[in-house]
Amino acid sequence: MTSARLPGSHASFLAHSKFLDDRRFRALLPDEDWGRLPLATWRRFSMRDGDSVVYVGVIDEVSFSDLGWWLAQAARLIGGPLPTGRDIGVPMIVTVTEDARSGGQTWTRICARRNGFPQVIHSAKRFEGPTGLEEYVGFGVSMALRIAVVGEVLEFRSAGYGLQIGRLWLPLPKWLTPGDLTVTHRDLGEGAFRFTLDVTHPRYGALIHQSATFREAVS
């Protein structure tokens, strides 16, 4: 995945002090777990700056069960937070921008398609909710997340879905949710890493799988 900061500073990635002052993700893990992560992973999740960071990669795996396919299409009603296409070998771009108002991060994913316009997925990671971290996808829908380290892989696991109405967060019943969602970040060395997304239903099994490999570079 290629990573580049948008204009705002020409300092190197490691030398820029603002990139190394964010302990929000680290605070959600025991010190020994955080310490097992490769330095490159630690560095990516310790960035904090007013500028955006851009990552460019390639989608290398996508699969859906029949139910998973229809689930992804139905999710368009709440902004389309799940992948909807089967194209592989196409670019995927991710931008991460600090949201000063909420104190979280805005994530935008652009998934190219061989035909038609790219799919654009917007979400926000907010350091709040029942687990201290949640992913907000819009239309009042959010997903509580727990993070863990498995080997040297950073995992984000769903821990319940909810509907926000004003200041209230109302948990959704399990029958209204897609099941368990897991996102992993695996460092591949030499500036590369792999992102995977899996949705698994307790009754219907694997619904959706997507993998993309990224390489980072500094502009």
Protein backbone atom coordinates (compact mmCIF):
# COMPACT_ATOMS: atom_id res chain seq x y z
CA MET A 1 0.00 0.00 0.00
CA THR A 2 1.40 3.36 -0.85
CA SER A 3 1.03 5.91 1.82
CA ALA A 4 1.46 9.62 1.34
CA ARG A 5 0.55 12.61 3.43
CA LEU A 6 -1.37 15.33 1.70
CA PRO A 7 0.29 18.75 1.61
CA GLY A 8 1.04 20.25 4.97
CA SER A 9 4.56 19.09 5.81
CA HIS A 10 7.58 17.66 4.02
CA ALA A 11 9.09 16.08 7.12
CA SER A 12 9.86 12.38 6.93
CA PHE A 13 7.31 9.92 8.30
CA LEU A 14 9.46 8.90 11.26
CA ALA A 15 10.81 12.34 12.01
CA HIS A 16 7.44 14.08 12.19
CA SER A 17 6.70 14.17 15.93
CA LYS A 18 2.95 14.44 15.48
CA PHE A 19 2.89 11.00 13.90
CA LEU A 20 4.12 9.36 17.10
CA ASP A 21 1.95 10.89 19.80
CA ASP A 22 -1.31 8.98 19.42
CA ARG A 23 -1.91 6.42 22.17
CA ARG A 24 -5.63 5.93 21.52
CA PHE A 25 -5.30 2.49 19.92
CA ARG A 26 -2.49 1.44 22.25
CA ALA A 27 -4.63 2.29 25.29
CA LEU A 28 -7.12 -0.41 24.24
CA LEU A 29 -4.53 -3.20 24.50
CA PRO A 30 -2.36 -4.61 27.28
CA ASP A 31 1.24 -3.39 26.99
CA GLU A 32 2.52 -6.89 26.27
CA ASP A 33 0.11 -7.31 23.33
CA TRP A 34 1.01 -3.94 21.84
CA GLY A 35 4.67 -4.85 22.24
CA ARG A 36 4.24 -7.94 20.02
CA LEU A 37 3.26 -5.86 17.02
CA PRO A 38 5.89 -5.14 14.35
CA LEU A 39 7.28 -1.64 14.49
CA ALA A 40 5.66 -0.77 11.15
CA THR A 41 2.19 -1.70 12.47
CA TRP A 42 2.80 0.22 15.68
CA ARG A 43 3.85 3.23 13.61
CA ARG A 44 0.76 3.14 11.38
CA PHE A 45 -1.57 3.09 14.38
CA SER A 46 0.33 5.78 16.28
CA MET A 47 -0.22 8.52 13.70
CA ARG A 48 -2.05 11.65 14.62
CA ASP A 49 -2.02 14.74 12.49
CA GLY A 50 -4.43 17.21 10.99
CA ASP A 51 -3.45 16.16 7.49
CA SER A 52 -4.81 13.13 5.67
CA VAL A 53 -2.83 9.96 5.09
CA VAL A 54 -3.46 8.16 1.80
CA TYR A 55 -2.93 4.42 1.24
CA VAL A 56 -3.00 2.79 -2.19
CA GLY A 57 -3.26 -0.95 -2.75
CA VAL A 58 -4.73 -3.72 -4.87
CA ILE A 59 -7.68 -6.00 -4.07
CA ASP A 60 -6.41 -9.56 -4.39
CA GLU A 61 -9.24 -11.68 -2.97
CA VAL A 62 -13.03 -11.29 -2.85
CA SER A 63 -15.66 -13.94 -2.18
CA PHE A 64 -19.33 -13.99 -1.22
CA SER A 65 -21.78 -16.67 -0.27
CA ASP A 66 -25.20 -16.23 -1.91
CA LEU A 67 -26.53 -14.78 1.34
CA GLY A 68 -23.44 -12.59 1.75
CA TRP A 69 -23.94 -11.12 -1.71
CA TRP A 70 -27.51 -10.09 -0.98
CA LEU A 71 -26.49 -8.79 2.45
CA ALA A 72 -23.87 -6.53 0.86
CA GLN A 73 -26.41 -5.18 -1.63
CA ALA A 74 -29.02 -4.61 1.10
CA ALA A 75 -26.44 -2.69 3.15
CA ARG A 76 -26.49 0.00 0.46
CA LEU A 77 -29.60 1.26 2.28
CA ILE A 78 -27.36 2.44 5.13
CA GLY A 79 -24.55 3.79 2.94
CA GLY A 80 -23.00 0.60 1.57
CA PRO A 81 -20.40 -0.19 4.26
CA LEU A 82 -19.60 -3.66 2.83
CA PRO A 83 -17.82 -4.55 -0.44
CA THR A 84 -20.30 -5.10 -3.26
CA GLY A 85 -18.09 -6.15 -6.19
CA ARG A 86 -16.15 -9.30 -7.10
CA ASP A 87 -13.37 -7.64 -9.12
CA ILE A 88 -9.79 -8.53 -8.14
CA GLY A 89 -6.54 -6.99 -9.35
CA VAL A 90 -8.13 -3.54 -9.16
CA PRO A 91 -6.92 -0.56 -7.10
CA MET A 92 -8.17 0.25 -3.63
CA ILE A 93 -7.42 3.61 -2.02
CA VAL A 94 -7.90 4.41 1.67
CA THR A 95 -7.66 7.85 3.25
CA VAL A 96 -7.58 8.45 6.99
CA THR A 97 -8.28 11.95 8.29
CA GLU A 98 -8.50 13.21 11.84
CA ASP A 99 -11.92 14.52 12.79
CA ALA A 100 -11.30 17.38 15.19
CA ARG A 101 -14.99 17.69 16.08
CA SER A 102 -15.51 14.09 17.23
CA GLY A 103 -11.93 13.31 18.25
CA GLY A 104 -11.99 10.27 15.97
CA GLN A 105 -10.90 9.42 12.45
CA THR A 106 -12.75 9.52 9.15
CA TRP A 107 -11.97 6.59 6.85
CA THR A 108 -12.77 6.68 3.14
CA ARG A 109 -12.25 3.58 1.00
CA ILE A 110 -12.39 3.78 -2.79
CA CYS A 111 -12.70 0.36 -4.43
CA ALA A 112 -12.24 0.41 -8.21
CA ARG A 113 -14.36 -1.68 -10.55
CA ARG A 114 -13.60 -2.92 -14.04
CA ASN A 115 -16.88 -1.39 -15.20
CA GLY A 116 -18.56 1.71 -13.84
CA PHE A 117 -17.65 4.10 -11.08
CA PRO A 118 -15.70 2.93 -8.02
CA GLN A 119 -17.51 2.00 -4.82
CA VAL A 120 -16.87 4.61 -2.13
CA ILE A 121 -17.24 3.56 1.51
CA HIS A 122 -17.28 6.14 4.29
CA SER A 123 -17.01 5.35 7.99
CA ALA A 124 -15.68 6.92 11.16
CA LYS A 125 -13.68 5.30 13.94
CA ARG A 126 -14.72 6.89 17.22
CA PHE A 127 -13.00 6.27 20.55
CA GLU A 128 -16.19 5.82 22.53
CA GLY A 129 -19.03 3.37 23.04
CA PRO A 130 -19.23 0.23 25.20
CA THR A 131 -15.72 -1.01 24.25
CA GLY A 132 -13.97 2.34 23.82
CA LEU A 133 -13.87 1.98 20.02
CA GLU A 134 -16.64 1.92 17.46
CA GLU A 135 -17.08 2.16 13.72
CA TYR A 136 -19.88 4.50 12.65
CA VAL A 137 -21.20 3.91 9.12
CA GLY A 138 -23.98 6.50 9.02
CA PHE A 139 -27.77 6.47 9.31
CA GLY A 140 -27.32 6.09 13.08
CA VAL A 141 -25.74 2.63 12.73
CA SER A 142 -22.49 1.80 14.47
CA MET A 143 -20.51 -1.27 15.47
CA ALA A 144 -18.62 -1.64 18.73
CA LEU A 145 -15.12 -3.03 18.21
CA ARG A 146 -12.59 -4.91 20.31
CA ILE A 147 -8.98 -5.08 19.22
CA ALA A 148 -6.58 -7.93 19.85
CA VAL A 149 -3.14 -9.09 18.78
CA VAL A 150 -2.88 -12.63 17.40
CA GLY A 151 0.73 -13.50 16.76
CA GLU A 152 1.91 -10.28 15.15
CA VAL A 153 -1.43 -9.48 13.50
CA LEU A 154 -3.68 -6.66 14.72
CA GLU A 155 -7.35 -7.71 14.71
CA PHE A 156 -10.52 -5.62 14.98
CA ARG A 157 -13.53 -7.73 16.00
CA SER A 158 -17.17 -6.71 16.17
CA ALA A 159 -18.64 -6.67 19.67
CA GLY A 160 -22.22 -5.72 18.97
CA TYR A 161 -24.14 -3.42 16.68
CA GLY A 162 -26.20 -0.44 17.73
CA LEU A 163 -28.45 2.36 16.62
CA GLN A 164 -27.68 5.85 17.87
CA ILE A 165 -30.64 8.12 18.53
CA GLY A 166 -29.46 11.41 19.97
CA ARG A 167 -27.26 10.49 22.90
CA LEU A 168 -28.75 7.03 23.24
CA TRP A 169 -26.98 3.94 21.88
CA LEU A 170 -29.51 1.14 21.47
CA PRO A 171 -28.09 -2.34 20.87
CA LEU A 172 -29.55 -4.15 17.86
CA PRO A 173 -30.84 -7.70 18.32
CA LYS A 174 -28.58 -10.37 16.82
CA TRP A 175 -31.18 -11.38 14.24
CA LEU A 176 -30.87 -7.88 12.73
CA THR A 177 -27.07 -8.08 12.37
CA PRO A 178 -24.83 -9.78 9.78
CA GLY A 179 -22.91 -11.76 12.37
CA ASP A 180 -19.28 -11.43 13.37
CA LEU A 181 -17.05 -9.02 11.47
CA THR A 182 -13.26 -9.28 11.69
CA VAL A 183 -10.72 -6.96 10.11
CA THR A 184 -7.01 -7.77 10.26
CA HIS A 185 -3.84 -5.79 9.60
CA ARG A 186 -0.80 -7.98 8.87
CA ASP A 187 2.59 -6.40 8.23
CA LEU A 188 4.41 -8.03 5.29
CA GLY A 189 7.73 -6.23 5.69
CA GLU A 190 9.44 -3.69 3.46
CA GLY A 191 6.59 -1.23 3.83
CA ALA A 192 3.84 -3.62 2.72
CA PHE A 193 0.86 -4.93 4.65
CA ARG A 194 -2.32 -6.90 4.05
CA PHE A 195 -5.83 -5.88 5.05
CA THR A 196 -8.57 -8.50 5.30
CA LEU A 197 -12.27 -8.27 6.05
CA ASP A 198 -14.43 -11.26 6.96
CA VAL A 199 -18.10 -11.45 7.86
CA THR A 200 -19.19 -14.75 9.41
CA HIS A 201 -22.69 -15.63 10.55
CA PRO A 202 -23.08 -18.04 13.50
CA ARG A 203 -25.66 -20.06 11.56
CA TYR A 204 -24.87 -19.50 7.88
CA GLY A 205 -21.08 -19.47 8.09
CA ALA A 206 -18.73 -17.34 5.95
CA LEU A 207 -20.64 -14.59 4.13
CA ILE A 208 -18.05 -12.12 2.82
CA HIS A 209 -14.26 -12.12 2.46
CA GLN A 210 -12.05 -9.39 1.04
CA SER A 211 -8.27 -9.03 1.07
CA ALA A 212 -6.10 -6.21 -0.25
CA THR A 213 -2.34 -5.76 -0.22
CA PHE A 214 -0.87 -2.29 0.24
CA ARG A 215 2.56 -0.77 0.07
CA GLU A 216 3.44 2.52 1.69
CA ALA A 217 5.70 5.28 0.46
CA VAL A 218 6.28 8.81 1.64
CA SER A 219 5.87 11.77 -0.62
